[in-house]
Amino acid sequence: MESRNLSSLASLMNAYERALIIDALVSTQGNQSQAAKLLGTSKRVIHYKIHKFGIDPLRFRMRN
């Protein structure tokens, strides 16, 4: 049972982290450097997590 709880916790943490990154990208119009600064981490970490979670940062860019 403990194993199930840990995997559940891991998936909840991943979902929460993904949501935070998406919110930061929305706030910064897809700018990964600004999103990293907003979240208090490095651009390298954000870039890694974007790929890990399959997020397309270009979809948050404002179109003219």
N, C-alpha and C. Protein backbone atom coordinates (compact mmCIF):
# COMPACT_ATOMS: atom_id res chain seq x y z
N MET A 1 0.82 -1.20 0.00
CA MET A 1 0.00 0.00 0.00
C MET A 1 0.86 1.25 0.00
N GLU A 2 1.98 1.22 0.69
CA GLU A 2 2.86 2.39 0.74
C GLU A 2 3.38 2.74 -0.64
N SER A 3 3.68 1.73 -1.46
CA SER A 3 4.15 1.96 -2.83
C SER A 3 3.10 2.70 -3.64
N ARG A 4 1.83 2.32 -3.49
CA ARG A 4 0.74 3.00 -4.22
C ARG A 4 0.64 4.46 -3.79
N ASN A 5 0.77 4.71 -2.50
CA ASN A 5 0.71 6.09 -2.00
C ASN A 5 1.85 6.93 -2.55
N LEU A 6 3.04 6.34 -2.64
CA LEU A 6 4.19 7.09 -3.15
C LEU A 6 4.02 7.41 -4.63
N SER A 7 3.51 6.46 -5.41
CA SER A 7 3.32 6.75 -6.83
C SER A 7 2.22 7.78 -7.02
N SER A 8 1.21 7.72 -6.16
CA SER A 8 0.15 8.71 -6.21
C SER A 8 0.69 10.09 -5.86
N LEU A 9 1.52 10.15 -4.84
CA LEU A 9 2.15 11.41 -4.45
C LEU A 9 3.02 11.95 -5.58
N ALA A 10 3.79 11.06 -6.20
CA ALA A 10 4.65 11.49 -7.31
C ALA A 10 3.83 12.05 -8.46
N SER A 11 2.73 11.39 -8.80
CA SER A 11 1.92 11.90 -9.91
C SER A 11 1.23 13.21 -9.54
N LEU A 12 0.81 13.35 -8.29
CA LEU A 12 0.23 14.62 -7.85
C LEU A 12 1.25 15.74 -7.87
N MET A 13 2.46 15.45 -7.44
CA MET A 13 3.53 16.46 -7.45
C MET A 13 3.87 16.87 -8.88
N ASN A 14 3.93 15.89 -9.79
CA ASN A 14 4.21 16.20 -11.20
C ASN A 14 3.11 17.07 -11.79
N ALA A 15 1.87 16.76 -11.48
CA ALA A 15 0.75 17.55 -12.01
C ALA A 15 0.80 18.97 -11.47
N TYR A 16 1.11 19.11 -10.19
CA TYR A 16 1.20 20.44 -9.58
C TYR A 16 2.36 21.24 -10.17
N GLU A 17 3.50 20.59 -10.33
CA GLU A 17 4.68 21.26 -10.90
C GLU A 17 4.40 21.68 -12.34
N ARG A 18 3.74 20.81 -13.10
CA ARG A 18 3.39 21.13 -14.49
C ARG A 18 2.46 22.35 -14.53
N ALA A 19 1.48 22.37 -13.65
CA ALA A 19 0.55 23.51 -13.59
C ALA A 19 1.26 24.80 -13.23
N LEU A 20 2.20 24.74 -12.30
CA LEU A 20 2.97 25.94 -11.92
C LEU A 20 3.78 26.46 -13.10
N ILE A 21 4.40 25.55 -13.83
CA ILE A 21 5.21 25.96 -14.99
C ILE A 21 4.32 26.57 -16.06
N ILE A 22 3.18 25.96 -16.32
CA ILE A 22 2.25 26.51 -17.32
C ILE A 22 1.77 27.89 -16.89
N ASP A 23 1.42 28.07 -15.63
CA ASP A 23 1.00 29.38 -15.13
C ASP A 23 2.11 30.42 -15.32
N ALA A 24 3.33 30.04 -15.03
CA ALA A 24 4.46 30.96 -15.20
C ALA A 24 4.66 31.30 -16.67
N LEU A 25 4.51 30.32 -17.55
CA LEU A 25 4.66 30.59 -18.98
C LEU A 25 3.53 31.48 -19.51
N VAL A 26 2.34 31.29 -19.00
CA VAL A 26 1.22 32.16 -19.38
C VAL A 26 1.53 33.59 -18.92
N SER A 27 2.00 33.74 -17.70
CA SER A 27 2.29 35.06 -17.14
C SER A 27 3.41 35.78 -17.88
N THR A 28 4.35 34.99 -18.44
CA THR A 28 5.51 35.58 -19.11
C THR A 28 5.42 35.46 -20.63
N GLN A 29 4.23 35.11 -21.12
CA GLN A 29 3.97 34.96 -22.56
C GLN A 29 4.96 34.00 -23.22
N GLY A 30 5.27 32.90 -22.52
CA GLY A 30 6.13 31.86 -23.08
C GLY A 30 7.62 32.08 -22.89
N ASN A 31 8.01 33.15 -22.21
CA ASN A 31 9.43 33.43 -22.01
C ASN A 31 9.97 32.52 -20.90
N GLN A 32 10.81 31.58 -21.28
CA GLN A 32 11.32 30.59 -20.33
C GLN A 32 12.24 31.21 -19.28
N SER A 33 13.04 32.17 -19.67
CA SER A 33 13.95 32.82 -18.71
C SER A 33 13.17 33.56 -17.64
N GLN A 34 12.15 34.30 -18.06
CA GLN A 34 11.32 35.02 -17.10
C GLN A 34 10.50 34.06 -16.24
N ALA A 35 10.03 32.98 -16.82
CA ALA A 35 9.27 31.98 -16.07
C ALA A 35 10.16 31.34 -15.00
N ALA A 36 11.39 31.06 -15.35
CA ALA A 36 12.34 30.50 -14.39
C ALA A 36 12.57 31.46 -13.23
N LYS A 37 12.75 32.72 -13.56
CA LYS A 37 12.96 33.74 -12.53
C LYS A 37 11.74 33.85 -11.62
N LEU A 38 10.56 33.82 -12.22
CA LEU A 38 9.31 33.89 -11.48
C LEU A 38 9.17 32.72 -10.49
N LEU A 39 9.64 31.56 -10.92
CA LEU A 39 9.54 30.36 -10.09
C LEU A 39 10.76 30.16 -9.17
N GLY A 40 11.74 31.04 -9.30
CA GLY A 40 12.92 30.94 -8.43
C GLY A 40 13.84 29.79 -8.77
N THR A 41 13.96 29.51 -10.06
CA THR A 41 14.83 28.42 -10.50
C THR A 41 15.61 28.88 -11.74
N SER A 42 16.36 27.98 -12.33
CA SER A 42 17.16 28.35 -13.49
C SER A 42 16.43 28.03 -14.80
N LYS A 43 16.87 28.67 -15.87
CA LYS A 43 16.28 28.41 -17.18
C LYS A 43 16.55 26.96 -17.58
N ARG A 44 17.69 26.45 -17.19
CA ARG A 44 18.04 25.06 -17.51
C ARG A 44 17.03 24.08 -16.89
N VAL A 45 16.65 24.32 -15.64
CA VAL A 45 15.67 23.45 -14.97
C VAL A 45 14.31 23.57 -15.66
N ILE A 46 13.90 24.80 -15.96
CA ILE A 46 12.62 25.01 -16.64
C ILE A 46 12.61 24.31 -17.99
N HIS A 47 13.69 24.45 -18.73
CA HIS A 47 13.80 23.81 -20.04
C HIS A 47 13.67 22.28 -19.91
N TYR A 48 14.35 21.71 -18.93
CA TYR A 48 14.26 20.28 -18.67
C TYR A 48 12.83 19.86 -18.34
N LYS A 49 12.19 20.60 -17.45
CA LYS A 49 10.83 20.26 -17.01
C LYS A 49 9.82 20.43 -18.14
N ILE A 50 10.00 21.44 -18.97
CA ILE A 50 9.12 21.66 -20.13
C ILE A 50 9.15 20.43 -21.03
N HIS A 51 10.34 19.91 -21.26
CA HIS A 51 10.45 18.71 -22.10
C HIS A 51 9.92 17.48 -21.36
N LYS A 52 10.21 17.38 -20.06
CA LYS A 52 9.74 16.25 -19.27
C LYS A 52 8.21 16.14 -19.28
N PHE A 53 7.54 17.30 -19.15
CA PHE A 53 6.08 17.32 -19.08
C PHE A 53 5.41 17.51 -20.43
N GLY A 54 6.19 17.64 -21.50
CA GLY A 54 5.62 17.77 -22.84
C GLY A 54 4.87 19.07 -23.05
N ILE A 55 5.39 20.16 -22.49
CA ILE A 55 4.76 21.47 -22.62
C ILE A 55 5.35 22.18 -23.84
N ASP A 56 4.51 22.80 -24.63
CA ASP A 56 4.97 23.59 -25.78
C ASP A 56 4.93 25.06 -25.39
N PRO A 57 6.09 25.66 -25.07
CA PRO A 57 6.11 27.05 -24.64
C PRO A 57 5.68 28.05 -25.71
N LEU A 58 5.76 27.66 -26.97
CA LEU A 58 5.37 28.56 -28.06
C LEU A 58 3.88 28.85 -28.07
N ARG A 59 3.09 27.94 -27.51
CA ARG A 59 1.63 28.17 -27.51
C ARG A 59 1.22 29.29 -26.57
N PHE A 60 2.14 29.76 -25.73
CA PHE A 60 1.83 30.84 -24.79
C PHE A 60 2.29 32.20 -25.30
N ARG A 61 2.92 32.22 -26.46
CA ARG A 61 3.37 33.50 -27.05
C ARG A 61 2.15 34.26 -27.56
N MET A 62 2.19 35.55 -27.36
CA MET A 62 1.12 36.41 -27.87
C MET A 62 1.34 36.64 -29.36
N ARG A 63 0.30 36.55 -30.09
CA ARG A 63 0.37 36.79 -31.54
C ARG A 63 -0.15 38.20 -31.83
N ASN A 64 0.50 38.86 -32.76
CA ASN A 64 0.10 40.22 -33.15
C ASN A 64 -0.88 40.20 -34.27
